[in-house]
Amino acid sequence: MTEVRLHDVELVPEHTLGSPADDEPLRGRLTFGWDVLPADHEGVPAQWASYVKATPDREYRQLLMVCSFRPETPAGKGAFRHASLGVALSTPDGPARPVARLIDPGERTRPVVGSGMGMSFTVKAGLLDVGVEKPPGAGPERDEWIVRGHGASQPNPQWEFRRVKSFPLVGDHPVAALVELVPDRLNTAAVLVTAELEHRSRGIRRYRARLAPSPHAIVLAG
């Protein structure tokens, strides 16, 4: 089992037309960590192990990353609404780029109970009467995604995180990619994290994580 060390990340507000000029960076609300592991590391998904064994002439690394979202604090207002983690895989020279052959998760879900409420419309004496009705068996559970991955077999995979009913966007969210390396090159991954927080008084604000060094380059092999 791999333990990823998390580091505090500063969230810098993105200033747009109409946004307050005095928005301060948020600290203590997001931590981020990563590790680069061999493709045959213990605990690798079975599908990944099979993929690696089927292509013995290629070299891979497992890039493991963790975003940890912290609850609202008196000094750091706002609840996380949505966030994204993007990775740009590259080499310093030549057109060849590493590729995230497989990503995890493709989708991570949580069961959410629906309201099951509907609207009823009746007309009485020429007047429209609007009511609320609850049909039999209302309120079934359905799976809603909280993490969704994109970009398998691409050099720029991305994951989205969102809150859903009864599941705020808090806690640790690990993601991973099986990266096919470019032979005899320095293979790196640059990471960009953005987030939307909803404030009670200021509405929705967008932030960009200040990762150092900038751009935040993770060395995969070289």
Protein backbone atom coordinates (compact mmCIF):
# COMPACT_ATOMS: atom_id res chain seq x y z
CA MET A 1 0.00 0.00 0.00
CA THR A 2 1.40 3.39 -0.99
CA GLU A 3 1.15 6.40 1.31
CA VAL A 4 1.16 9.71 -0.56
CA ARG A 5 2.44 12.72 1.33
CA LEU A 6 0.11 15.69 0.90
CA HIS A 7 1.27 19.31 0.74
CA ASP A 8 -0.73 22.47 1.38
CA VAL A 9 -1.65 24.31 -1.81
CA GLU A 10 -2.62 27.98 -2.05
CA LEU A 11 -5.75 28.75 -4.06
CA VAL A 12 -5.40 32.02 -5.98
CA PRO A 13 -8.64 33.75 -7.11
CA GLU A 14 -9.16 34.21 -10.84
CA HIS A 15 -10.15 37.83 -11.33
CA THR A 16 -12.88 38.33 -13.89
CA LEU A 17 -15.07 41.28 -14.84
CA GLY A 18 -17.17 42.16 -11.81
CA SER A 19 -15.23 40.07 -9.30
CA PRO A 20 -13.96 41.82 -6.15
CA ALA A 21 -10.46 43.18 -6.56
CA ASP A 22 -9.65 42.42 -2.91
CA ASP A 23 -10.23 38.66 -3.10
CA GLU A 24 -7.53 37.01 -1.02
CA PRO A 25 -5.88 33.65 -1.74
CA LEU A 26 -7.27 30.71 0.23
CA ARG A 27 -4.91 28.69 2.40
CA GLY A 28 -5.52 25.46 4.25
CA ARG A 29 -8.38 24.37 1.98
CA LEU A 30 -6.59 22.12 -0.53
CA THR A 31 -3.71 19.69 -0.25
CA PHE A 32 -2.10 17.79 -3.11
CA GLY A 33 0.35 14.91 -3.36
CA TRP A 34 1.73 12.44 -5.87
CA ASP A 35 3.93 9.42 -6.33
CA VAL A 36 5.51 7.73 -9.34
CA LEU A 37 5.43 3.94 -9.11
CA PRO A 38 6.54 1.02 -11.28
CA ALA A 39 3.84 -0.36 -13.54
CA ASP A 40 3.94 -3.68 -11.67
CA HIS A 41 3.67 -2.10 -8.23
CA GLU A 42 1.63 -4.02 -5.67
CA GLY A 43 -2.03 -3.07 -5.82
CA VAL A 44 -2.07 -2.07 -9.49
CA PRO A 45 -5.51 -2.76 -11.05
CA ALA A 46 -5.75 -6.17 -12.71
CA GLN A 47 -6.64 -4.56 -16.04
CA TRP A 48 -3.45 -2.50 -15.90
CA ALA A 49 -1.31 -5.53 -15.11
CA SER A 50 -2.79 -7.39 -18.08
CA TYR A 51 -2.20 -4.42 -20.36
CA VAL A 52 1.45 -4.17 -19.33
CA LYS A 53 2.04 -7.92 -19.78
CA ALA A 54 0.49 -7.76 -23.26
CA THR A 55 3.00 -5.08 -24.36
CA PRO A 56 6.37 -6.20 -22.92
CA ASP A 57 8.34 -4.06 -25.40
CA ARG A 58 7.04 -0.79 -23.89
CA GLU A 59 7.92 1.02 -20.66
CA TYR A 60 5.32 2.32 -18.23
CA ARG A 61 4.99 4.23 -14.98
CA GLN A 62 2.03 4.55 -12.67
CA LEU A 63 1.35 8.21 -11.77
CA LEU A 64 -0.67 8.40 -8.56
CA MET A 65 -2.12 11.75 -7.42
CA VAL A 66 -4.34 12.78 -4.52
CA CYS A 67 -6.40 15.95 -4.15
CA SER A 68 -7.70 16.50 -0.63
CA PHE A 69 -10.47 19.07 -0.21
CA ARG A 70 -10.90 20.59 3.27
CA PRO A 71 -14.17 21.88 4.80
CA GLU A 72 -14.97 25.57 5.10
CA THR A 73 -13.26 27.41 7.97
CA PRO A 74 -13.74 30.88 9.49
CA ALA A 75 -10.54 31.97 7.75
CA GLY A 76 -11.31 30.16 4.49
CA LYS A 77 -14.91 30.75 3.48
CA GLY A 78 -16.75 28.92 0.73
CA ALA A 79 -17.80 25.35 -0.02
CA PHE A 80 -16.17 23.43 -2.86
CA ARG A 81 -18.61 23.06 -5.75
CA HIS A 82 -16.45 21.74 -8.59
CA ALA A 83 -12.76 21.17 -9.28
CA SER A 84 -10.56 19.79 -12.03
CA LEU A 85 -7.09 18.26 -12.18
CA GLY A 86 -5.35 18.34 -15.54
CA VAL A 87 -2.07 16.67 -16.48
CA ALA A 88 0.12 17.56 -19.47
CA LEU A 89 2.60 14.80 -20.32
CA SER A 90 5.65 15.84 -22.33
CA THR A 91 9.31 15.47 -23.21
CA PRO A 92 11.63 18.48 -23.62
CA ASP A 93 12.54 17.78 -27.23
CA GLY A 94 10.89 16.19 -30.22
CA PRO A 95 7.22 15.67 -31.10
CA ALA A 96 6.84 12.37 -29.21
CA ARG A 97 4.92 12.63 -25.95
CA PRO A 98 4.14 10.18 -23.14
CA VAL A 99 0.57 8.90 -23.20
CA ALA A 100 -1.84 8.03 -20.38
CA ARG A 101 -2.88 4.66 -21.78
CA LEU A 102 -5.26 3.89 -18.90
CA ILE A 103 -6.75 6.15 -16.22
CA ASP A 104 -8.48 5.53 -12.92
CA PRO A 105 -11.19 6.28 -12.14
CA GLY A 106 -13.10 6.59 -15.36
CA GLU A 107 -16.00 7.38 -13.09
CA ARG A 108 -16.50 7.26 -9.32
CA THR A 109 -20.09 7.43 -8.10
CA ARG A 110 -22.15 7.73 -4.94
CA PRO A 111 -25.78 6.63 -4.42
CA VAL A 112 -28.05 9.66 -4.14
CA VAL A 113 -31.69 9.51 -3.05
CA GLY A 114 -33.99 11.38 -5.43
CA SER A 115 -36.70 13.66 -4.15
CA GLY A 116 -39.35 11.85 -6.13
CA MET A 117 -41.54 14.95 -6.09
CA GLY A 118 -43.63 15.94 -9.07
CA MET A 119 -45.98 18.78 -9.99
CA SER A 120 -49.71 18.30 -10.53
CA PHE A 121 -51.84 20.72 -12.53
CA THR A 122 -55.63 20.91 -12.34
CA VAL A 123 -58.11 23.49 -13.54
CA LYS A 124 -61.01 24.38 -11.23
CA ALA A 125 -63.62 26.92 -12.25
CA GLY A 126 -61.23 28.40 -14.80
CA LEU A 127 -58.38 28.76 -12.29
CA LEU A 128 -55.09 26.87 -12.56
CA ASP A 129 -54.30 24.99 -9.37
CA VAL A 130 -50.70 23.87 -8.95
CA GLY A 131 -49.88 21.21 -6.37
CA VAL A 132 -47.08 18.88 -5.38
CA GLU A 133 -47.49 15.14 -5.58
CA LYS A 134 -45.34 12.22 -4.53
CA PRO A 135 -45.91 9.20 -6.75
CA PRO A 136 -45.80 5.67 -5.31
CA GLY A 137 -42.30 4.39 -4.71
CA ALA A 138 -40.81 7.88 -4.95
CA GLY A 139 -37.32 8.61 -3.81
CA PRO A 140 -35.29 5.76 -5.39
CA GLU A 141 -31.53 5.78 -5.17
CA ARG A 142 -29.53 6.59 -8.27
CA ASP A 143 -25.79 6.74 -8.83
CA GLU A 144 -24.37 10.22 -9.42
CA TRP A 145 -20.75 10.74 -10.41
CA ILE A 146 -18.47 12.60 -8.01
CA VAL A 147 -15.22 12.03 -9.97
CA ARG A 148 -15.04 11.62 -13.72
CA GLY A 149 -11.91 11.01 -15.81
CA HIS A 150 -11.24 11.92 -19.44
CA GLY A 151 -8.36 11.48 -21.85
CA ALA A 152 -7.43 7.81 -21.83
CA SER A 153 -4.84 7.11 -24.58
CA GLN A 154 -4.06 10.85 -24.67
CA PRO A 155 -1.10 12.91 -23.38
CA ASN A 156 -3.40 15.22 -21.40
CA PRO A 157 -5.75 13.30 -19.06
CA GLN A 158 -8.09 15.24 -16.80
CA TRP A 159 -10.35 14.51 -13.85
CA GLU A 160 -13.39 16.47 -12.66
CA PHE A 161 -14.63 16.49 -9.08
CA ARG A 162 -18.05 17.71 -7.98
CA ARG A 163 -20.36 17.73 -5.01
CA VAL A 164 -23.73 16.01 -5.18
CA LYS A 165 -26.69 15.82 -2.83
CA SER A 166 -25.62 14.52 0.60
CA PHE A 167 -21.98 14.28 -0.53
CA PRO A 168 -20.04 17.56 -0.21
CA LEU A 169 -16.76 17.87 -2.04
CA VAL A 170 -14.47 17.16 0.92
CA GLY A 171 -11.86 14.56 1.79
CA ASP A 172 -9.23 12.65 -0.18
CA HIS A 173 -9.77 11.86 -3.87
CA PRO A 174 -7.04 9.68 -5.44
CA VAL A 175 -6.65 9.38 -9.22
CA ALA A 176 -4.05 7.56 -11.30
CA ALA A 177 -2.75 7.08 -14.82
CA LEU A 178 -0.76 4.30 -16.46
CA VAL A 179 1.72 6.33 -18.52
CA GLU A 180 3.53 4.88 -21.53
CA LEU A 181 6.96 6.54 -21.60
CA VAL A 182 8.93 7.86 -24.55
CA PRO A 183 12.16 5.79 -24.56
CA ASP A 184 15.49 7.51 -23.80
CA ARG A 185 13.83 10.86 -23.01
CA LEU A 186 13.08 12.92 -19.91
CA ASN A 187 9.37 12.25 -19.35
CA THR A 188 7.50 14.77 -17.18
CA ALA A 189 3.98 15.61 -16.08
CA ALA A 190 2.83 19.19 -15.50
CA VAL A 191 -0.21 19.53 -13.22
CA LEU A 192 -2.90 22.22 -13.12
CA VAL A 193 -5.68 22.30 -10.51
CA THR A 194 -8.64 24.68 -10.62
CA ALA A 195 -11.64 24.89 -8.30
CA GLU A 196 -14.98 26.63 -7.88
CA LEU A 197 -16.14 27.58 -4.39
CA GLU A 198 -19.60 28.84 -3.52
CA HIS A 199 -19.75 31.66 -0.98
CA ARG A 200 -22.93 32.55 0.87
CA SER A 201 -22.52 36.27 0.24
CA ARG A 202 -20.28 36.46 -2.85
CA GLY A 203 -21.64 33.64 -4.98
CA ILE A 204 -19.37 31.36 -7.00
CA ARG A 205 -15.66 32.16 -7.22
CA ARG A 206 -13.03 30.40 -9.35
CA TYR A 207 -9.54 29.65 -8.06
CA ARG A 208 -6.33 28.28 -9.51
CA ALA A 209 -3.98 26.24 -7.36
CA ARG A 210 -0.53 27.75 -6.97
CA LEU A 211 1.70 24.73 -7.39
CA ALA A 212 5.44 25.22 -7.02
CA PRO A 213 7.57 25.03 -9.02
CA SER A 214 5.45 26.51 -11.80
CA PRO A 215 4.54 24.74 -13.93
CA HIS A 216 4.57 21.84 -11.49
CA ALA A 217 6.68 19.22 -13.27
CA ILE A 218 6.71 15.67 -11.98
CA VAL A 219 9.60 13.63 -13.36
CA LEU A 220 8.34 10.23 -14.53
CA ALA A 221 11.59 8.91 -16.01
CA GLY A 222 14.74 10.25 -17.56
